Amino acid sequence: MVSCAHCEQSLCCEACGEPYVPPSQAHYEALSWIEVPLSCPECEQVLVCRWCKTPYDGTDESVTLD
């Protein structure tokens, strides 16, 4: 099972509830890159963690540029 890079719970898609299973090693490695958008392989929606609601959409709103 893959863990969310933010809350460390099992990464399940908010939209469909399915556990996220990366289709490739590159997709798995992209979990820690904030600039890489990921979609759920099951429902094809932007992957959003079911538990912490963090979207894997290629943006990170917690990062601020001064």
PDB file of N, CA and C in Angstrom:
ATOM      1  N   MET A   1       0.850  -1.183   0.000  1.00  0.00           N
ATOM      2  CA  MET A   1       0.000   0.000   0.000  1.00  0.00           C
ATOM      3  C   MET A   1       0.893   1.244   0.000  1.00  0.00           C
ATOM      4  N   VAL A   2       0.517   2.223  -0.789  1.00  0.00           N
ATOM      5  CA  VAL A   2       1.253   3.479  -0.881  1.00  0.00           C
ATOM      6  C   VAL A   2       0.732   4.433   0.189  1.00  0.00           C
ATOM      7  N   SER A   3       1.640   5.163   0.828  1.00  0.00           N
ATOM      8  CA  SER A   3       1.254   6.141   1.840  1.00  0.00           C
ATOM      9  C   SER A   3       1.242   7.541   1.236  1.00  0.00           C
ATOM     10  N   CYS A   4       0.336   8.386   1.752  1.00  0.00           N
ATOM     11  CA  CYS A   4       0.286   9.780   1.332  1.00  0.00           C
ATOM     12  C   CYS A   4       1.572  10.466   1.765  1.00  0.00           C
ATOM     13  N   ALA A   5       2.140  11.272   0.883  1.00  0.00           N
ATOM     14  CA  ALA A   5       3.385  11.976   1.177  1.00  0.00           C
ATOM     15  C   ALA A   5       3.180  13.057   2.232  1.00  0.00           C
ATOM     16  N   HIS A   6       1.932  13.417   2.516  1.00  0.00           N
ATOM     17  CA  HIS A   6       1.657  14.502   3.451  1.00  0.00           C
ATOM     18  C   HIS A   6       1.210  14.016   4.830  1.00  0.00           C
ATOM     19  N   CYS A   7       0.250  13.068   4.875  1.00  0.00           N
ATOM     20  CA  CYS A   7      -0.275  12.624   6.176  1.00  0.00           C
ATOM     21  C   CYS A   7       0.165  11.216   6.552  1.00  0.00           C
ATOM     22  N   GLU A   8       0.782  10.506   5.618  1.00  0.00           N
ATOM     23  CA  GLU A   8       1.313   9.160   5.818  1.00  0.00           C
ATOM     24  C   GLU A   8       0.250   8.093   6.067  1.00  0.00           C
ATOM     25  N   GLN A   9      -1.027   8.425   5.831  1.00  0.00           N
ATOM     26  CA  GLN A   9      -2.089   7.414   5.844  1.00  0.00           C
ATOM     27  C   GLN A   9      -2.030   6.679   4.503  1.00  0.00           C
ATOM     28  N   SER A  10      -2.740   5.561   4.400  1.00  0.00           N
ATOM     29  CA  SER A  10      -2.780   4.877   3.108  1.00  0.00           C
ATOM     30  C   SER A  10      -3.449   5.803   2.100  1.00  0.00           C
ATOM     31  N   LEU A  11      -2.842   5.946   0.934  1.00  0.00           N
ATOM     32  CA  LEU A  11      -3.322   6.893  -0.064  1.00  0.00           C
ATOM     33  C   LEU A  11      -4.490   6.295  -0.836  1.00  0.00           C
ATOM     34  N   CYS A  12      -5.670   6.841  -0.575  1.00  0.00           N
ATOM     35  CA  CYS A  12      -6.887   6.436  -1.271  1.00  0.00           C
ATOM     36  C   CYS A  12      -7.457   7.657  -1.963  1.00  0.00           C
ATOM     37  N   CYS A  13      -8.044   7.450  -3.118  1.00  0.00           N
ATOM     38  CA  CYS A  13      -8.619   8.529  -3.907  1.00  0.00           C
ATOM     39  C   CYS A  13      -9.897   9.051  -3.244  1.00  0.00           C
ATOM     40  N   GLU A  14      -9.983  10.342  -3.061  1.00  0.00           N
ATOM     41  CA  GLU A  14     -11.176  10.966  -2.490  1.00  0.00           C
ATOM     42  C   GLU A  14     -12.395  10.771  -3.392  1.00  0.00           C
ATOM     43  N   ALA A  15     -12.202  10.817  -4.706  1.00  0.00           N
ATOM     44  CA  ALA A  15     -13.318  10.737  -5.649  1.00  0.00           C
ATOM     45  C   ALA A  15     -13.962   9.356  -5.708  1.00  0.00           C
ATOM     46  N   CYS A  16     -13.152   8.311  -5.787  1.00  0.00           N
ATOM     47  CA  CYS A  16     -13.717   6.968  -5.968  1.00  0.00           C
ATOM     48  C   CYS A  16     -13.470   6.025  -4.788  1.00  0.00           C
ATOM     49  N   GLY A  17     -12.589   6.421  -3.865  1.00  0.00           N
ATOM     50  CA  GLY A  17     -12.336   5.603  -2.682  1.00  0.00           C
ATOM     51  C   GLY A  17     -11.353   4.467  -2.870  1.00  0.00           C
ATOM     52  N   GLU A  18     -10.854   4.295  -4.083  1.00  0.00           N
ATOM     53  CA  GLU A  18      -9.918   3.200  -4.354  1.00  0.00           C
ATOM     54  C   GLU A  18      -8.522   3.525  -3.832  1.00  0.00           C
ATOM     55  N   PRO A  19      -7.816   2.521  -3.313  1.00  0.00           N
ATOM     56  CA  PRO A  19      -6.408   2.735  -2.933  1.00  0.00           C
ATOM     57  C   PRO A  19      -5.601   3.091  -4.176  1.00  0.00           C
ATOM     58  N   TYR A  20      -4.689   4.036  -4.032  1.00  0.00           N
ATOM     59  CA  TYR A  20      -3.859   4.447  -5.162  1.00  0.00           C
ATOM     60  C   TYR A  20      -2.771   3.413  -5.394  1.00  0.00           C
ATOM     61  N   VAL A  21      -2.758   2.877  -6.588  1.00  0.00           N
ATOM     62  CA  VAL A  21      -1.717   1.952  -7.022  1.00  0.00           C
ATOM     63  C   VAL A  21      -1.037   2.602  -8.213  1.00  0.00           C
ATOM     64  N   PRO A  22       0.195   3.081  -8.016  1.00  0.00           N
ATOM     65  CA  PRO A  22       0.881   3.759  -9.126  1.00  0.00           C
ATOM     66  C   PRO A  22       1.054   2.824 -10.313  1.00  0.00           C
ATOM     67  N   PRO A  23       0.754   3.319 -11.510  1.00  0.00           N
ATOM     68  CA  PRO A  23       0.909   2.477 -12.698  1.00  0.00           C
ATOM     69  C   PRO A  23       2.367   2.209 -13.077  1.00  0.00           C
ATOM     70  N   SER A  24       3.299   3.003 -12.525  1.00  0.00           N
ATOM     71  CA  SER A  24       4.713   2.794 -12.847  1.00  0.00           C
ATOM     72  C   SER A  24       5.580   3.321 -11.702  1.00  0.00           C
ATOM     73  N   GLN A  25       6.845   2.983 -11.745  1.00  0.00           N
ATOM     74  CA  GLN A  25       7.802   3.477 -10.751  1.00  0.00           C
ATOM     75  C   GLN A  25       7.902   5.007 -10.814  1.00  0.00           C
ATOM     76  N   ALA A  26       7.815   5.568 -12.016  1.00  0.00           N
ATOM     77  CA  ALA A  26       7.878   7.029 -12.174  1.00  0.00           C
ATOM     78  C   ALA A  26       6.704   7.706 -11.472  1.00  0.00           C
ATOM     79  N   HIS A  27       5.513   7.122 -11.554  1.00  0.00           N
ATOM     80  CA  HIS A  27       4.352   7.678 -10.862  1.00  0.00           C
ATOM     81  C   HIS A  27       4.542   7.586  -9.345  1.00  0.00           C
ATOM     82  N   TYR A  28       5.107   6.486  -8.886  1.00  0.00           N
ATOM     83  CA  TYR A  28       5.367   6.332  -7.452  1.00  0.00           C
ATOM     84  C   TYR A  28       6.347   7.399  -6.968  1.00  0.00           C
ATOM     85  N   GLU A  29       7.415   7.624  -7.715  1.00  0.00           N
ATOM     86  CA  GLU A  29       8.415   8.621  -7.332  1.00  0.00           C
ATOM     87  C   GLU A  29       7.845  10.041  -7.389  1.00  0.00           C
ATOM     88  N   ALA A  30       6.859  10.275  -8.247  1.00  0.00           N
ATOM     89  CA  ALA A  30       6.258  11.602  -8.388  1.00  0.00           C
ATOM     90  C   ALA A  30       5.450  12.016  -7.161  1.00  0.00           C
ATOM     91  N   LEU A  31       5.119  11.077  -6.283  1.00  0.00           N
ATOM     92  CA  LEU A  31       4.356  11.416  -5.072  1.00  0.00           C
ATOM     93  C   LEU A  31       5.051  12.479  -4.230  1.00  0.00           C
ATOM     94  N   SER A  32       6.365  12.503  -4.245  1.00  0.00           N
ATOM     95  CA  SER A  32       7.092  13.469  -3.424  1.00  0.00           C
ATOM     96  C   SER A  32       7.447  14.748  -4.173  1.00  0.00           C
ATOM     97  N   TRP A  33       7.067  14.858  -5.441  1.00  0.00           N
ATOM     98  CA  TRP A  33       7.359  16.060  -6.231  1.00  0.00           C
ATOM     99  C   TRP A  33       6.105  16.909  -6.302  1.00  0.00           C
ATOM    100  N   ILE A  34       6.143  18.099  -5.728  1.00  0.00           N
ATOM    101  CA  ILE A  34       4.939  18.921  -5.684  1.00  0.00           C
ATOM    102  C   ILE A  34       4.533  19.462  -7.046  1.00  0.00           C
ATOM    103  N   GLU A  35       5.453  19.522  -7.992  1.00  0.00           N
ATOM    104  CA  GLU A  35       5.132  20.101  -9.291  1.00  0.00           C
ATOM    105  C   GLU A  35       4.628  19.082 -10.310  1.00  0.00           C
ATOM    106  N   VAL A  36       4.488  17.836  -9.920  1.00  0.00           N
ATOM    107  CA  VAL A  36       4.044  16.797 -10.843  1.00  0.00           C
ATOM    108  C   VAL A  36       2.594  16.418 -10.537  1.00  0.00           C
ATOM    109  N   PRO A  37       1.653  16.734 -11.435  1.00  0.00           N
ATOM    110  CA  PRO A  37       0.258  16.349 -11.187  1.00  0.00           C
ATOM    111  C   PRO A  37       0.047  14.852 -11.390  1.00  0.00           C
ATOM    112  N   LEU A  38      -0.788  14.247 -10.543  1.00  0.00           N
ATOM    113  CA  LEU A  38      -1.117  12.831 -10.649  1.00  0.00           C
ATOM    114  C   LEU A  38      -2.621  12.668 -10.738  1.00  0.00           C
ATOM    115  N   SER A  39      -3.052  11.681 -11.492  1.00  0.00           N
ATOM    116  CA  SER A  39      -4.473  11.361 -11.539  1.00  0.00           C
ATOM    117  C   SER A  39      -4.671   9.924 -11.077  1.00  0.00           C
ATOM    118  N   CYS A  40      -5.858   9.658 -10.572  1.00  0.00           N
ATOM    119  CA  CYS A  40      -6.209   8.321 -10.115  1.00  0.00           C
ATOM    120  C   CYS A  40      -6.336   7.399 -11.322  1.00  0.00           C
ATOM    121  N   PRO A  41      -5.659   6.256 -11.324  1.00  0.00           N
ATOM    122  CA  PRO A  41      -5.767   5.340 -12.460  1.00  0.00           C
ATOM    123  C   PRO A  41      -7.171   4.734 -12.609  1.00  0.00           C
ATOM    124  N   GLU A  42      -7.948   4.711 -11.526  1.00  0.00           N
ATOM    125  CA  GLU A  42      -9.287   4.114 -11.572  1.00  0.00           C
ATOM    126  C   GLU A  42     -10.329   5.056 -12.172  1.00  0.00           C
ATOM    127  N   CYS A  43     -10.417   6.297 -11.618  1.00  0.00           N
ATOM    128  CA  CYS A  43     -11.470   7.219 -12.057  1.00  0.00           C
ATOM    129  C   CYS A  43     -10.942   8.374 -12.908  1.00  0.00           C
ATOM    130  N   GLU A  44      -9.624   8.491 -13.024  1.00  0.00           N
ATOM    131  CA  GLU A  44      -8.943   9.494 -13.841  1.00  0.00           C
ATOM    132  C   GLU A  44      -9.150  10.939 -13.373  1.00  0.00           C
ATOM    133  N   GLN A  45      -9.614  11.122 -12.136  1.00  0.00           N
ATOM    134  CA  GLN A  45      -9.715  12.445 -11.543  1.00  0.00           C
ATOM    135  C   GLN A  45      -8.363  12.810 -10.939  1.00  0.00           C
ATOM    136  N   VAL A  46      -8.145  14.110 -10.671  1.00  0.00           N
ATOM    137  CA  VAL A  46      -6.927  14.511  -9.964  1.00  0.00           C
ATOM    138  C   VAL A  46      -6.905  13.762  -8.636  1.00  0.00           C
ATOM    139  N   LEU A  47      -5.777  13.155  -8.323  1.00  0.00           N
ATOM    140  CA  LEU A  47      -5.664  12.390  -7.088  1.00  0.00           C
ATOM    141  C   LEU A  47      -5.706  13.323  -5.884  1.00  0.00           C
ATOM    142  N   VAL A  48      -6.651  13.084  -4.980  1.00  0.00           N
ATOM    143  CA  VAL A  48      -6.788  13.837  -3.743  1.00  0.00           C
ATOM    144  C   VAL A  48      -6.825  12.812  -2.617  1.00  0.00           C
ATOM    145  N   CYS A  49      -5.979  12.993  -1.605  1.00  0.00           N
ATOM    146  CA  CYS A  49      -5.932  12.061  -0.484  1.00  0.00           C
ATOM    147  C   CYS A  49      -7.271  12.071   0.258  1.00  0.00           C
ATOM    148  N   ARG A  50      -7.828  10.914   0.445  1.00  0.00           N
ATOM    149  CA  ARG A  50      -9.115  10.765   1.136  1.00  0.00           C
ATOM    150  C   ARG A  50      -9.054  11.258   2.577  1.00  0.00           C
ATOM    151  N   TRP A  51      -7.891  11.175   3.210  1.00  0.00           N
ATOM    152  CA  TRP A  51      -7.761  11.471   4.636  1.00  0.00           C
ATOM    153  C   TRP A  51      -7.422  12.931   4.915  1.00  0.00           C
ATOM    154  N   CYS A  52      -6.405  13.482   4.250  1.00  0.00           N
ATOM    155  CA  CYS A  52      -5.989  14.864   4.543  1.00  0.00           C
ATOM    156  C   CYS A  52      -6.453  15.856   3.481  1.00  0.00           C
ATOM    157  N   LYS A  53      -7.088  15.341   2.416  1.00  0.00           N
ATOM    158  CA  LYS A  53      -7.646  16.169   1.326  1.00  0.00           C
ATOM    159  C   LYS A  53      -6.589  16.924   0.530  1.00  0.00           C
ATOM    160  N   THR A  54      -5.340  16.466   0.579  1.00  0.00           N
ATOM    161  CA  THR A  54      -4.283  17.102  -0.194  1.00  0.00           C
ATOM    162  C   THR A  54      -4.389  16.679  -1.655  1.00  0.00           C
ATOM    163  N   PRO A  55      -4.497  17.641  -2.574  1.00  0.00           N
ATOM    164  CA  PRO A  55      -4.538  17.290  -3.992  1.00  0.00           C
ATOM    165  C   PRO A  55      -3.130  17.087  -4.546  1.00  0.00           C
ATOM    166  N   TYR A  56      -2.976  16.093  -5.365  1.00  0.00           N
ATOM    167  CA  TYR A  56      -1.719  15.851  -6.076  1.00  0.00           C
ATOM    168  C   TYR A  56      -1.871  16.444  -7.474  1.00  0.00           C
ATOM    169  N   ASP A  57      -2.133  17.755  -7.515  1.00  0.00           N
ATOM    170  CA  ASP A  57      -2.446  18.432  -8.770  1.00  0.00           C
ATOM    171  C   ASP A  57      -1.286  19.239  -9.344  1.00  0.00           C
ATOM    172  N   GLY A  58      -0.119  19.098  -8.754  1.00  0.00           N
ATOM    173  CA  GLY A  58       1.048  19.811  -9.268  1.00  0.00           C
ATOM    174  C   GLY A  58       1.286  21.148  -8.605  1.00  0.00           C
ATOM    175  N   THR A  59       0.444  21.493  -7.640  1.00  0.00           N
ATOM    176  CA  THR A  59       0.642  22.731  -6.886  1.00  0.00           C
ATOM    177  C   THR A  59       0.737  22.391  -5.415  1.00  0.00           C
ATOM    178  N   ASP A  60       1.349  23.279  -4.667  1.00  0.00           N
ATOM    179  CA  ASP A  60       1.422  23.107  -3.220  1.00  0.00           C
ATOM    180  C   ASP A  60       1.151  24.471  -2.599  1.00  0.00           C
ATOM    181  N   GLU A  61      -0.056  24.681  -2.122  1.00  0.00           N
ATOM    182  CA  GLU A  61      -0.455  25.976  -1.584  1.00  0.00           C
ATOM    183  C   GLU A  61       0.242  26.315  -0.275  1.00  0.00           C
ATOM    184  N   SER A  62       0.860  25.315   0.365  1.00  0.00           N
ATOM    185  CA  SER A  62       1.561  25.597   1.618  1.00  0.00           C
ATOM    186  C   SER A  62       2.921  26.249   1.364  1.00  0.00           C
ATOM    187  N   VAL A  63       3.386  26.205   0.109  1.00  0.00           N
ATOM    188  CA  VAL A  63       4.654  26.832  -0.240  1.00  0.00           C
ATOM    189  C   VAL A  63       4.382  28.269  -0.645  1.00  0.00           C
ATOM    190  N   THR A  64       5.061  29.191   0.022  1.00  0.00           N
ATOM    191  CA  THR A  64       4.889  30.589  -0.321  1.00  0.00           C
ATOM    192  C   THR A  64       6.224  31.145  -0.778  1.00  0.00           C
ATOM    193  N   LEU A  65       6.186  32.024  -1.754  1.00  0.00           N
ATOM    194  CA  LEU A  65       7.399  32.658  -2.253  1.00  0.00           C
ATOM    195  C   LEU A  65       7.464  34.066  -1.687  1.00  0.00           C
ATOM    196  N   ASP A  66       8.549  34.405  -1.017  1.00  0.00           N
ATOM    197  CA  ASP A  66       8.713  35.738  -0.432  1.00  0.00           C
ATOM    198  C   ASP A  66       9.438  36.669  -1.350  1.00  0.00           C
TER     199      ASP A  66
END
